[in-house]
Structure formats: structure tokens, C-alpha cells
Full PDB file with SEQRES, HELIX, SHEET, SSBOND, CRYST1, ORIGX, SCALE, CONECT and MASTER records, all heavy atoms in Angstrom:
SEQRES   1 A   37  GLU LYS ASP GLU ASN PHE ASP SER TYR ARG LYS ASN ARG          
SEQRES   2 A   37  ILE TYR LYS LEU GLU LYS GLN ILE ASN GLY LEU SER MET          
SEQRES   3 A   37  SER GLU ASN GLU LYS ASN VAL ASN ARG LEU ASN                  
HELIX    1 AA1 PHE A    6  LEU A   24  1                                  19    
HELIX    2 AA2 GLU A   30  LEU A   36  1                                   7    
CRYST1    1.000    1.000    1.000  90.00  90.00  90.00 P 1           1          
ORIGX1      1.000000  0.000000  0.000000        0.00000                         
ORIGX2      0.000000  1.000000  0.000000        0.00000                         
ORIGX3      0.000000  0.000000  1.000000        0.00000                         
SCALE1      1.000000  0.000000  0.000000        0.00000                         
SCALE2      0.000000  1.000000  0.000000        0.00000                         
SCALE3      0.000000  0.000000  1.000000        0.00000                         
ATOM      1  N   GLU A   1      98.124 111.476 117.975  1.00  0.00           N  
ATOM      2  CA  GLU A   1      97.950 112.480 119.064  1.00  0.00           C  
ATOM      3  C   GLU A   1      96.509 112.863 119.141  1.00  0.00           C  
ATOM      4  O   GLU A   1      95.888 113.346 118.233  1.00  0.00           O  
ATOM      5  CB  GLU A   1      98.827 113.723 118.731  1.00  0.00           C  
ATOM      6  CG  GLU A   1      98.818 114.784 119.832  1.00  0.00           C  
ATOM      7  CD  GLU A   1      99.640 115.977 119.433  1.00  0.00           C  
ATOM      8  OE1 GLU A   1      99.465 116.564 118.374  1.00  0.00           O  
ATOM      9  OE2 GLU A   1     100.565 116.236 120.250  1.00  0.00           O  
ATOM     10  N   LYS A   2      95.920 112.625 120.339  1.00  0.00           N  
ATOM     11  CA  LYS A   2      94.495 112.893 120.502  1.00  0.00           C  
ATOM     12  C   LYS A   2      94.262 114.386 120.960  1.00  0.00           C  
ATOM     13  O   LYS A   2      93.963 114.657 122.105  1.00  0.00           O  
ATOM     14  CB  LYS A   2      93.917 111.925 121.482  1.00  0.00           C  
ATOM     15  CG  LYS A   2      94.003 110.465 120.916  1.00  0.00           C  
ATOM     16  CD  LYS A   2      93.264 109.432 121.809  1.00  0.00           C  
ATOM     17  CE  LYS A   2      93.367 108.094 121.161  1.00  0.00           C  
ATOM     18  NZ  LYS A   2      92.661 107.037 122.005  1.00  0.00           N  
ATOM     19  N   ASP A   3      94.420 115.220 120.008  1.00  0.00           N  
ATOM     20  CA  ASP A   3      94.308 116.695 120.277  1.00  0.00           C  
ATOM     21  C   ASP A   3      92.876 117.131 119.832  1.00  0.00           C  
ATOM     22  O   ASP A   3      91.964 116.305 119.653  1.00  0.00           O  
ATOM     23  CB  ASP A   3      95.383 117.514 119.576  1.00  0.00           C  
ATOM     24  CG  ASP A   3      95.314 117.335 118.095  1.00  0.00           C  
ATOM     25  OD1 ASP A   3      94.421 116.654 117.534  1.00  0.00           O  
ATOM     26  OD2 ASP A   3      96.209 117.884 117.436  1.00  0.00           O  
ATOM     27  N   GLU A   4      92.739 118.452 119.620  1.00  0.00           N  
ATOM     28  CA  GLU A   4      91.388 118.925 119.252  1.00  0.00           C  
ATOM     29  C   GLU A   4      90.847 118.470 117.891  1.00  0.00           C  
ATOM     30  O   GLU A   4      89.713 118.636 117.601  1.00  0.00           O  
ATOM     31  CB  GLU A   4      91.449 120.475 119.337  1.00  0.00           C  
ATOM     32  CG  GLU A   4      92.223 121.186 118.237  1.00  0.00           C  
ATOM     33  CD  GLU A   4      93.768 121.268 118.511  1.00  0.00           C  
ATOM     34  OE1 GLU A   4      94.109 120.727 119.609  1.00  0.00           O  
ATOM     35  OE2 GLU A   4      94.476 121.914 117.790  1.00  0.00           O  
ATOM     36  N   ASN A   5      91.704 117.956 117.070  1.00  0.00           N  
ATOM     37  CA  ASN A   5      91.314 117.452 115.705  1.00  0.00           C  
ATOM     38  C   ASN A   5      90.939 115.994 115.742  1.00  0.00           C  
ATOM     39  O   ASN A   5      90.410 115.538 114.720  1.00  0.00           O  
ATOM     40  CB  ASN A   5      92.455 117.702 114.753  1.00  0.00           C  
ATOM     41  CG  ASN A   5      92.698 119.219 114.464  1.00  0.00           C  
ATOM     42  OD1 ASN A   5      91.728 119.950 114.300  1.00  0.00           O  
ATOM     43  ND2 ASN A   5      93.982 119.604 114.425  1.00  0.00           N  
ATOM     44  N   PHE A   6      91.187 115.307 116.814  1.00  0.00           N  
ATOM     45  CA  PHE A   6      91.101 113.815 116.770  1.00  0.00           C  
ATOM     46  C   PHE A   6      89.610 113.423 116.616  1.00  0.00           C  
ATOM     47  O   PHE A   6      89.330 112.481 115.856  1.00  0.00           O  
ATOM     48  CB  PHE A   6      91.639 113.216 118.037  1.00  0.00           C  
ATOM     49  CG  PHE A   6      91.548 111.733 118.095  1.00  0.00           C  
ATOM     50  CD1 PHE A   6      92.332 110.980 117.286  1.00  0.00           C  
ATOM     51  CD2 PHE A   6      90.596 111.108 118.826  1.00  0.00           C  
ATOM     52  CE1 PHE A   6      92.141 109.533 117.275  1.00  0.00           C  
ATOM     53  CE2 PHE A   6      90.393 109.695 118.825  1.00  0.00           C  
ATOM     54  CZ  PHE A   6      91.170 108.916 118.029  1.00  0.00           C  
ATOM     55  N   ASP A   7      88.707 114.038 117.308  1.00  0.00           N  
ATOM     56  CA  ASP A   7      87.267 113.653 117.202  1.00  0.00           C  
ATOM     57  C   ASP A   7      86.753 113.815 115.775  1.00  0.00           C  
ATOM     58  O   ASP A   7      86.025 112.915 115.291  1.00  0.00           O  
ATOM     59  CB  ASP A   7      86.363 114.488 118.220  1.00  0.00           C  
ATOM     60  CG  ASP A   7      86.524 114.034 119.665  1.00  0.00           C  
ATOM     61  OD1 ASP A   7      87.084 112.937 119.878  1.00  0.00           O  
ATOM     62  OD2 ASP A   7      86.164 114.836 120.483  1.00  0.00           O  
ATOM     63  N   SER A   8      87.166 114.911 115.170  1.00  0.00           N  
ATOM     64  CA  SER A   8      86.742 115.086 113.736  1.00  0.00           C  
ATOM     65  C   SER A   8      87.350 113.999 112.854  1.00  0.00           C  
ATOM     66  O   SER A   8      86.678 113.514 111.939  1.00  0.00           O  
ATOM     67  CB  SER A   8      87.181 116.519 113.248  1.00  0.00           C  
ATOM     68  OG  SER A   8      86.516 117.471 113.974  1.00  0.00           O  
ATOM     69  N   TYR A   9      88.618 113.652 113.118  1.00  0.00           N  
ATOM     70  CA  TYR A   9      89.307 112.639 112.361  1.00  0.00           C  
ATOM     71  C   TYR A   9      88.580 111.256 112.529  1.00  0.00           C  
ATOM     72  O   TYR A   9      88.257 110.608 111.525  1.00  0.00           O  
ATOM     73  CB  TYR A   9      90.751 112.532 112.815  1.00  0.00           C  
ATOM     74  CG  TYR A   9      91.487 111.265 112.339  1.00  0.00           C  
ATOM     75  CD1 TYR A   9      91.991 111.158 111.051  1.00  0.00           C  
ATOM     76  CD2 TYR A   9      91.654 110.229 113.207  1.00  0.00           C  
ATOM     77  CE1 TYR A   9      92.637 110.003 110.608  1.00  0.00           C  
ATOM     78  CE2 TYR A   9      92.283 109.065 112.802  1.00  0.00           C  
ATOM     79  CZ  TYR A   9      92.760 108.937 111.503  1.00  0.00           C  
ATOM     80  OH  TYR A   9      93.429 107.809 111.090  1.00  0.00           O  
ATOM     81  N   ARG A  10      88.285 110.937 113.737  1.00  0.00           N  
ATOM     82  CA  ARG A  10      87.650 109.616 114.066  1.00  0.00           C  
ATOM     83  C   ARG A  10      86.251 109.574 113.386  1.00  0.00           C  
ATOM     84  O   ARG A  10      85.871 108.611 112.792  1.00  0.00           O  
ATOM     85  CB  ARG A  10      87.497 109.518 115.620  1.00  0.00           C  
ATOM     86  CG  ARG A  10      86.979 108.091 116.006  1.00  0.00           C  
ATOM     87  CD  ARG A  10      86.983 107.978 117.516  1.00  0.00           C  
ATOM     88  NE  ARG A  10      86.689 106.617 117.919  1.00  0.00           N  
ATOM     89  CZ  ARG A  10      85.431 106.146 118.057  1.00  0.00           C  
ATOM     90  NH1 ARG A  10      84.421 106.866 117.789  1.00  0.00           N  
ATOM     91  NH2 ARG A  10      85.293 104.871 118.372  1.00  0.00           N  
ATOM     92  N   LYS A  11      85.451 110.681 113.481  1.00  0.00           N  
ATOM     93  CA  LYS A  11      84.170 110.703 112.892  1.00  0.00           C  
ATOM     94  C   LYS A  11      84.231 110.574 111.329  1.00  0.00           C  
ATOM     95  O   LYS A  11      83.484 109.867 110.712  1.00  0.00           O  
ATOM     96  CB  LYS A  11      83.415 111.973 113.232  1.00  0.00           C  
ATOM     97  CG  LYS A  11      82.933 112.069 114.655  1.00  0.00           C  
ATOM     98  CD  LYS A  11      82.358 113.400 115.006  1.00  0.00           C  
ATOM     99  CE  LYS A  11      81.972 113.459 116.450  1.00  0.00           C  
ATOM    100  NZ  LYS A  11      81.467 114.815 116.886  1.00  0.00           N  
ATOM    101  N   ASN A  12      85.245 111.203 110.777  1.00  0.00           N  
ATOM    102  CA  ASN A  12      85.482 111.198 109.354  1.00  0.00           C  
ATOM    103  C   ASN A  12      85.798 109.750 108.890  1.00  0.00           C  
ATOM    104  O   ASN A  12      85.273 109.319 107.849  1.00  0.00           O  
ATOM    105  CB  ASN A  12      86.545 112.172 108.876  1.00  0.00           C  
ATOM    106  CG  ASN A  12      86.766 112.196 107.480  1.00  0.00           C  
ATOM    107  OD1 ASN A  12      87.701 111.578 106.943  1.00  0.00           O  
ATOM    108  ND2 ASN A  12      85.900 112.903 106.717  1.00  0.00           N  
ATOM    109  N   ARG A  13      86.676 109.062 109.597  1.00  0.00           N  
ATOM    110  CA  ARG A  13      87.047 107.733 109.215  1.00  0.00           C  
ATOM    111  C   ARG A  13      85.887 106.782 109.396  1.00  0.00           C  
ATOM    112  O   ARG A  13      85.698 105.893 108.467  1.00  0.00           O  
ATOM    113  CB  ARG A  13      88.262 107.217 110.149  1.00  0.00           C  
ATOM    114  CG  ARG A  13      89.505 108.012 109.946  1.00  0.00           C  
ATOM    115  CD  ARG A  13      90.056 107.889 108.502  1.00  0.00           C  
ATOM    116  NE  ARG A  13      90.683 106.586 108.299  1.00  0.00           N  
ATOM    117  CZ  ARG A  13      91.091 106.149 107.084  1.00  0.00           C  
ATOM    118  NH1 ARG A  13      90.785 106.884 106.026  1.00  0.00           N  
ATOM    119  NH2 ARG A  13      91.634 104.996 106.951  1.00  0.00           N  
ATOM    120  N   ILE A  14      85.096 106.867 110.380  1.00  0.00           N  
ATOM    121  CA  ILE A  14      83.906 106.019 110.577  1.00  0.00           C  
ATOM    122  C   ILE A  14      82.880 106.306 109.516  1.00  0.00           C  
ATOM    123  O   ILE A  14      82.257 105.409 108.993  1.00  0.00           O  
ATOM    124  CB  ILE A  14      83.354 106.170 112.020  1.00  0.00           C  
ATOM    125  CG1 ILE A  14      84.372 105.592 113.049  1.00  0.00           C  
ATOM    126  CG2 ILE A  14      82.037 105.447 112.125  1.00  0.00           C  
ATOM    127  CD1 ILE A  14      83.951 105.760 114.473  1.00  0.00           C  
ATOM    128  N   TYR A  15      82.732 107.637 109.197  1.00  0.00           N  
ATOM    129  CA  TYR A  15      81.745 108.004 108.116  1.00  0.00           C  
ATOM    130  C   TYR A  15      82.122 107.286 106.798  1.00  0.00           C  
ATOM    131  O   TYR A  15      81.272 106.790 106.077  1.00  0.00           O  
ATOM    132  CB  TYR A  15      81.730 109.487 107.946  1.00  0.00           C  
ATOM    133  CG  TYR A  15      81.011 109.964 106.725  1.00  0.00           C  
ATOM    134  CD1 TYR A  15      79.615 109.993 106.715  1.00  0.00           C  
ATOM    135  CD2 TYR A  15      81.725 110.441 105.623  1.00  0.00           C  
ATOM    136  CE1 TYR A  15      78.934 110.418 105.588  1.00  0.00           C  
ATOM    137  CE2 TYR A  15      81.001 110.834 104.461  1.00  0.00           C  
ATOM    138  CZ  TYR A  15      79.606 110.812 104.447  1.00  0.00           C  
ATOM    139  OH  TYR A  15      78.996 111.214 103.317  1.00  0.00           O  
ATOM    140  N   LYS A  16      83.410 107.329 106.439  1.00  0.00           N  
ATOM    141  CA  LYS A  16      83.879 106.712 105.194  1.00  0.00           C  
ATOM    142  C   LYS A  16      83.630 105.224 105.244  1.00  0.00           C  
ATOM    143  O   LYS A  16      83.267 104.578 104.176  1.00  0.00           O  
ATOM    144  CB  LYS A  16      85.420 107.014 104.964  1.00  0.00           C  
ATOM    145  CG  LYS A  16      85.632 108.454 104.605  1.00  0.00           C  
ATOM    146  CD  LYS A  16      87.086 108.671 104.297  1.00  0.00           C  
ATOM    147  CE  LYS A  16      87.332 110.156 103.819  1.00  0.00           C  
ATOM    148  NZ  LYS A  16      88.744 110.414 103.510  1.00  0.00           N  
ATOM    149  N   LEU A  17      83.808 104.590 106.441  1.00  0.00           N  
ATOM    150  CA  LEU A  17      83.609 103.156 106.541  1.00  0.00           C  
ATOM    151  C   LEU A  17      82.083 102.865 106.347  1.00  0.00           C  
ATOM    152  O   LEU A  17      81.749 101.952 105.647  1.00  0.00           O  
ATOM    153  CB  LEU A  17      84.073 102.748 107.924  1.00  0.00           C  
ATOM    154  CG  LEU A  17      84.331 101.264 108.191  1.00  0.00           C  
ATOM    155  CD1 LEU A  17      85.340 100.727 107.169  1.00  0.00           C  
ATOM    156  CD2 LEU A  17      84.891 101.087 109.627  1.00  0.00           C  
ATOM    157  N   GLU A  18      81.218 103.654 106.980  1.00  0.00           N  
ATOM    158  CA  GLU A  18      79.794 103.466 106.895  1.00  0.00           C  
ATOM    159  C   GLU A  18      79.342 103.683 105.484  1.00  0.00           C  
ATOM    160  O   GLU A  18      78.422 102.992 104.964  1.00  0.00           O  
ATOM    161  CB  GLU A  18      79.096 104.444 107.830  1.00  0.00           C  
ATOM    162  CG  GLU A  18      79.244 104.119 109.248  1.00  0.00           C  
ATOM    163  CD  GLU A  18      78.666 105.139 110.219  1.00  0.00           C  
ATOM    164  OE1 GLU A  18      78.524 106.303 109.763  1.00  0.00           O  
ATOM    165  OE2 GLU A  18      78.430 104.817 111.408  1.00  0.00           O  
ATOM    166  N   LYS A  19      79.936 104.604 104.727  1.00  0.00           N  
ATOM    167  CA  LYS A  19      79.622 104.869 103.330  1.00  0.00           C  
ATOM    168  C   LYS A  19      79.882 103.626 102.520  1.00  0.00           C  
ATOM    169  O   LYS A  19      79.079 103.272 101.635  1.00  0.00           O  
ATOM    170  CB  LYS A  19      80.405 106.088 102.854  1.00  0.00           C  
ATOM    171  CG  LYS A  19      79.819 106.714 101.560  1.00  0.00           C  
ATOM    172  CD  LYS A  19      80.573 107.977 101.207  1.00  0.00           C  
ATOM    173  CE  LYS A  19      80.027 108.518  99.937  1.00  0.00           C  
ATOM    174  NZ  LYS A  19      80.768 109.775  99.556  1.00  0.00           N  
ATOM    175  N   GLN A  20      81.015 103.000 102.769  1.00  0.00           N  
ATOM    176  CA  GLN A  20      81.338 101.754 102.062  1.00  0.00           C  
ATOM    177  C   GLN A  20      80.364 100.610 102.358  1.00  0.00           C  
ATOM    178  O   GLN A  20      79.955  99.848 101.492  1.00  0.00           O  
ATOM    179  CB  GLN A  20      82.801 101.277 102.349  1.00  0.00           C  
ATOM    180  CG  GLN A  20      83.894 102.247 101.827  1.00  0.00           C  
ATOM    181  CD  GLN A  20      85.260 101.715 102.208  1.00  0.00           C  
ATOM    182  OE1 GLN A  20      85.696 100.676 101.717  1.00  0.00           O  
ATOM    183  NE2 GLN A  20      85.876 102.409 103.073  1.00  0.00           N  
ATOM    184  N   ILE A  21      80.011 100.532 103.678  1.00  0.00           N  
ATOM    185  CA  ILE A  21      79.139  99.476 104.091  1.00  0.00           C  
ATOM    186  C   ILE A  21      77.760  99.658 103.432  1.00  0.00           C  
ATOM    187  O   ILE A  21      77.092  98.739 102.951  1.00  0.00           O  
ATOM    188  CB  ILE A  21      78.972  99.565 105.633  1.00  0.00           C  
ATOM    189  CG1 ILE A  21      80.245  99.015 106.327  1.00  0.00           C  
ATOM    190  CG2 ILE A  21      77.778  98.703 106.163  1.00  0.00           C  
ATOM    191  CD1 ILE A  21      80.343  99.203 107.825  1.00  0.00           C  
ATOM    192  N   ASN A  22      77.256 100.947 103.413  1.00  0.00           N  
ATOM    193  CA  ASN A  22      75.992 101.136 102.753  1.00  0.00           C  
ATOM    194  C   ASN A  22      76.024 100.897 101.245  1.00  0.00           C  
ATOM    195  O   ASN A  22      75.022 100.389 100.714  1.00  0.00           O  
ATOM    196  CB  ASN A  22      75.519 102.650 103.012  1.00  0.00           C  
ATOM    197  CG  ASN A  22      75.217 102.960 104.428  1.00  0.00           C  
ATOM    198  OD1 ASN A  22      74.871 102.017 105.207  1.00  0.00           O  
ATOM    199  ND2 ASN A  22      75.400 104.147 104.899  1.00  0.00           N  
ATOM    200  N   GLY A  23      77.098 101.171 100.669  1.00  0.00           N  
ATOM    201  CA  GLY A  23      77.227 100.960  99.199  1.00  0.00           C  
ATOM    202  C   GLY A  23      77.242  99.478  98.881  1.00  0.00           C  
ATOM    203  O   GLY A  23      76.786  99.043  97.787  1.00  0.00           O  
ATOM    204  N   LEU A  24      77.678  98.630  99.785  1.00  0.00           N  
ATOM    205  CA  LEU A  24      77.794  97.185  99.530  1.00  0.00           C  
ATOM    206  C   LEU A  24      76.539  96.399 100.022  1.00  0.00           C  
ATOM    207  O   LEU A  24      76.390  95.209  99.732  1.00  0.00           O  
ATOM    208  CB  LEU A  24      79.039  96.573 100.138  1.00  0.00           C  
ATOM    209  CG  LEU A  24      80.391  97.050  99.575  1.00  0.00           C  
ATOM    210  CD1 LEU A  24      81.493  96.587 100.526  1.00  0.00           C  
ATOM    211  CD2 LEU A  24      80.602  96.446  98.185  1.00  0.00           C  
ATOM    212  N   SER A  25      75.782  97.043 100.863  1.00  0.00           N  
ATOM    213  CA  SER A  25      74.692  96.330 101.596  1.00  0.00           C  
ATOM    214  C   SER A  25      73.634  95.752 100.699  1.00  0.00           C  
ATOM    215  O   SER A  25      72.943  94.803 101.063  1.00  0.00           O  
ATOM    216  CB  SER A  25      74.042  97.264 102.611  1.00  0.00           C  
ATOM    217  OG  SER A  25      73.437  98.388 101.938  1.00  0.00           O  
ATOM    218  N   MET A  26      73.390  96.321  99.504  1.00  0.00           N  
ATOM    219  CA  MET A  26      72.325  95.789  98.574  1.00  0.00           C  
ATOM    220  C   MET A  26      72.879  94.728  97.631  1.00  0.00           C  
ATOM    221  O   MET A  26      72.120  94.179  96.804  1.00  0.00           O  
ATOM    222  CB  MET A  26      71.782  96.996  97.787  1.00  0.00           C  
ATOM    223  CG  MET A  26      71.159  98.021  98.665  1.00  0.00           C  
ATOM    224  SD  MET A  26      69.839  97.407  99.692  1.00  0.00           S  
ATOM    225  CE  MET A  26      68.601  97.154  98.435  1.00  0.00           C  
ATOM    226  N   SER A  27      74.196  94.477  97.649  1.00  0.00           N  
ATOM    227  CA  SER A  27      74.765  93.551  96.667  1.00  0.00           C  
ATOM    228  C   SER A  27      74.652  92.099  97.141  1.00  0.00           C  
ATOM    229  O   SER A  27      74.711  91.840  98.337  1.00  0.00           O  
ATOM    230  CB  SER A  27      76.203  93.890  96.442  1.00  0.00           C  
ATOM    231  OG  SER A  27      76.856  92.895  95.636  1.00  0.00           O  
ATOM    232  N   GLU A  28      74.383  91.198  96.217  1.00  0.00           N  
ATOM    233  CA  GLU A  28      74.371  89.768  96.553  1.00  0.00           C  
ATOM    234  C   GLU A  28      75.595  89.072  95.947  1.00  0.00           C  
ATOM    235  O   GLU A  28      75.729  87.850  96.163  1.00  0.00           O  
ATOM    236  CB  GLU A  28      73.081  89.183  95.927  1.00  0.00           C  
ATOM    237  CG  GLU A  28      71.784  89.682  96.614  1.00  0.00           C  
ATOM    238  CD  GLU A  28      70.563  89.070  96.074  1.00  0.00           C  
ATOM    239  OE1 GLU A  28      70.686  88.172  95.131  1.00  0.00           O  
ATOM    240  OE2 GLU A  28      69.511  89.447  96.511  1.00  0.00           O  
ATOM    241  N   ASN A  29      76.470  89.785  95.328  1.00  0.00           N  
ATOM    242  CA  ASN A  29      77.740  89.193  94.842  1.00  0.00           C  
ATOM    243  C   ASN A  29      78.511  88.734  95.988  1.00  0.00           C  
ATOM    244  O   ASN A  29      78.749  89.409  97.008  1.00  0.00           O  
ATOM    245  CB  ASN A  29      78.484  90.316  94.062  1.00  0.00           C  
ATOM    246  CG  ASN A  29      79.817  89.845  93.534  1.00  0.00           C  
ATOM    247  OD1 ASN A  29      80.773  89.781  94.308  1.00  0.00           O  
ATOM    248  ND2 ASN A  29      79.887  89.514  92.264  1.00  0.00           N  
ATOM    249  N   GLU A  30      79.033  87.446  95.842  1.00  0.00           N  
ATOM    250  CA  GLU A  30      79.755  86.823  96.984  1.00  0.00           C  
ATOM    251  C   GLU A  30      80.982  87.673  97.427  1.00  0.00           C  
ATOM    252  O   GLU A  30      81.167  87.804  98.616  1.00  0.00           O  
ATOM    253  CB  GLU A  30      80.181  85.428  96.572  1.00  0.00           C  
ATOM    254  CG  GLU A  30      80.860  84.658  97.694  1.00  0.00           C  
ATOM    255  CD  GLU A  30      81.251  83.269  97.293  1.00  0.00           C  
ATOM    256  OE1 GLU A  30      81.012  82.834  96.136  1.00  0.00           O  
ATOM    257  OE2 GLU A  30      81.865  82.560  98.087  1.00  0.00           O  
ATOM    258  N   LYS A  31      81.702  88.166  96.490  1.00  0.00           N  
ATOM    259  CA  LYS A  31      82.901  88.939  96.790  1.00  0.00           C  
ATOM    260  C   LYS A  31      82.492  90.196  97.630  1.00  0.00           C  
ATOM    261  O   LYS A  31      83.114  90.571  98.562  1.00  0.00           O  
ATOM    262  CB  LYS A  31      83.612  89.366  95.511  1.00  0.00           C  
ATOM    263  CG  LYS A  31      84.942  90.142  95.788  1.00  0.00           C  
ATOM    264  CD  LYS A  31      85.612  90.430  94.465  1.00  0.00           C  
ATOM    265  CE  LYS A  31      86.884  91.224  94.673  1.00  0.00           C  
ATOM    266  NZ  LYS A  31      87.632  91.533  93.370  1.00  0.00           N  
ATOM    267  N   ASN A  32      81.457  90.908  97.163  1.00  0.00           N  
ATOM    268  CA  ASN A  32      80.919  92.053  97.848  1.00  0.00           C  
ATOM    269  C   ASN A  32      80.384  91.785  99.232  1.00  0.00           C  
ATOM    270  O   ASN A  32      80.530  92.542 100.182  1.00  0.00           O  
ATOM    271  CB  ASN A  32      79.864  92.813  97.014  1.00  0.00           C  
ATOM    272  CG  ASN A  32      80.470  93.452  95.756  1.00  0.00           C  
ATOM    273  OD1 ASN A  32      81.665  93.714  95.716  1.00  0.00           O  
ATOM    274  ND2 ASN A  32      79.607  93.789  94.800  1.00  0.00           N  
ATOM    275  N   VAL A  33      79.704  90.621  99.348  1.00  0.00           N  
ATOM    276  CA  VAL A  33      79.157  90.182 100.675  1.00  0.00           C  
ATOM    277  C   VAL A  33      80.269  89.939 101.631  1.00  0.00           C  
ATOM    278  O   VAL A  33      80.219  90.346 102.774  1.00  0.00           O  
ATOM    279  CB  VAL A  33      78.267  88.945 100.481  1.00  0.00           C  
ATOM    280  CG1 VAL A  33      77.932  88.350 101.875  1.00  0.00           C  
ATOM    281  CG2 VAL A  33      76.998  89.279  99.737  1.00  0.00           C  
ATOM    282  N   ASN A  34      81.353  89.233 101.155  1.00  0.00           N  
ATOM    283  CA  ASN A  34      82.524  89.022 102.008  1.00  0.00           C  
ATOM    284  C   ASN A  34      83.152  90.363 102.440  1.00  0.00           C  
ATOM    285  O   ASN A  34      83.545  90.528 103.592  1.00  0.00           O  
ATOM    286  CB  ASN A  34      83.545  88.152 101.281  1.00  0.00           C  
ATOM    287  CG  ASN A  34      83.048  86.729 101.134  1.00  0.00           C  
ATOM    288  OD1 ASN A  34      82.144  86.270 101.841  1.00  0.00           O  
ATOM    289  ND2 ASN A  34      83.597  86.067 100.102  1.00  0.00           N  
ATOM    290  N   ARG A  35      83.252  91.260 101.470  1.00  0.00           N  
ATOM    291  CA  ARG A  35      83.855  92.586 101.817  1.00  0.00           C  
ATOM    292  C   ARG A  35      82.997  93.325 102.851  1.00  0.00           C  
ATOM    293  O   ARG A  35      83.484  93.943 103.791  1.00  0.00           O  
ATOM    294  CB  ARG A  35      84.022  93.420 100.579  1.00  0.00           C  
ATOM    295  CG  ARG A  35      84.600  94.771 100.720  1.00  0.00           C  
ATOM    296  CD  ARG A  35      85.981  94.738 101.347  1.00  0.00           C  
ATOM    297  NE  ARG A  35      86.583  96.088 101.458  1.00  0.00           N  
ATOM    298  CZ  ARG A  35      87.544  96.375 102.308  1.00  0.00           C  
ATOM    299  NH1 ARG A  35      88.086  95.432 103.104  1.00  0.00           N  
ATOM    300  NH2 ARG A  35      88.025  97.564 102.377  1.00  0.00           N  
ATOM    301  N   LEU A  36      81.662  93.255 102.678  1.00  0.00           N  
ATOM    302  CA  LEU A  36      80.719  93.874 103.564  1.00  0.00           C  
ATOM    303  C   LEU A  36      80.905  93.341 104.990  1.00  0.00           C  
ATOM    304  O   LEU A  36      80.961  94.142 105.937  1.00  0.00           O  
ATOM    305  CB  LEU A  36      79.321  93.695 103.053  1.00  0.00           C  
ATOM    306  CG  LEU A  36      78.144  94.182 103.974  1.00  0.00           C  
ATOM    307  CD1 LEU A  36      78.218  95.650 104.117  1.00  0.00           C  
ATOM    308  CD2 LEU A  36      76.777  93.726 103.421  1.00  0.00           C  
ATOM    309  N   ASN A  37      81.006  92.093 105.099  1.00  0.00           N  
ATOM    310  CA  ASN A  37      81.189  91.468 106.444  1.00  0.00           C  
ATOM    311  C   ASN A  37      82.533  91.889 107.048  1.00  0.00           C  
ATOM    312  O   ASN A  37      82.588  92.132 108.266  1.00  0.00           O  
ATOM    313  CB  ASN A  37      81.086  89.947 106.346  1.00  0.00           C  
ATOM    314  CG  ASN A  37      79.729  89.498 106.073  1.00  0.00           C  
ATOM    315  OD1 ASN A  37      78.756  90.124 106.366  1.00  0.00           O  
ATOM    316  ND2 ASN A  37      79.645  88.350 105.393  1.00  0.00           N  
TER     317      ASN A  37                                                      
MASTER        0    0    0    2    0    0    0    6  316    1    0    3          
END                                                                             
């Protein structure tokens, strides 16, 4: 339901995704690189 809380929810989910991406971006481990992609 896209009510008054939806924008905050969407931003929060994308923020968590970006946090994982940033955490993996410096790794050269093949498994981590695949996960990053």
C-alpha cells in the first residue's frame, strides 16, 4: 500500500542495499565481487 509511509520505506530499503554495495566494493574476493554485481 503506497501510503504516507511508503517513501520512507523505499528510501530505507535502498539505503540498506547501498550500504551492502559500499561494504563489498573494496573486496577482490570472487564471491564478494559476484554478490556486488
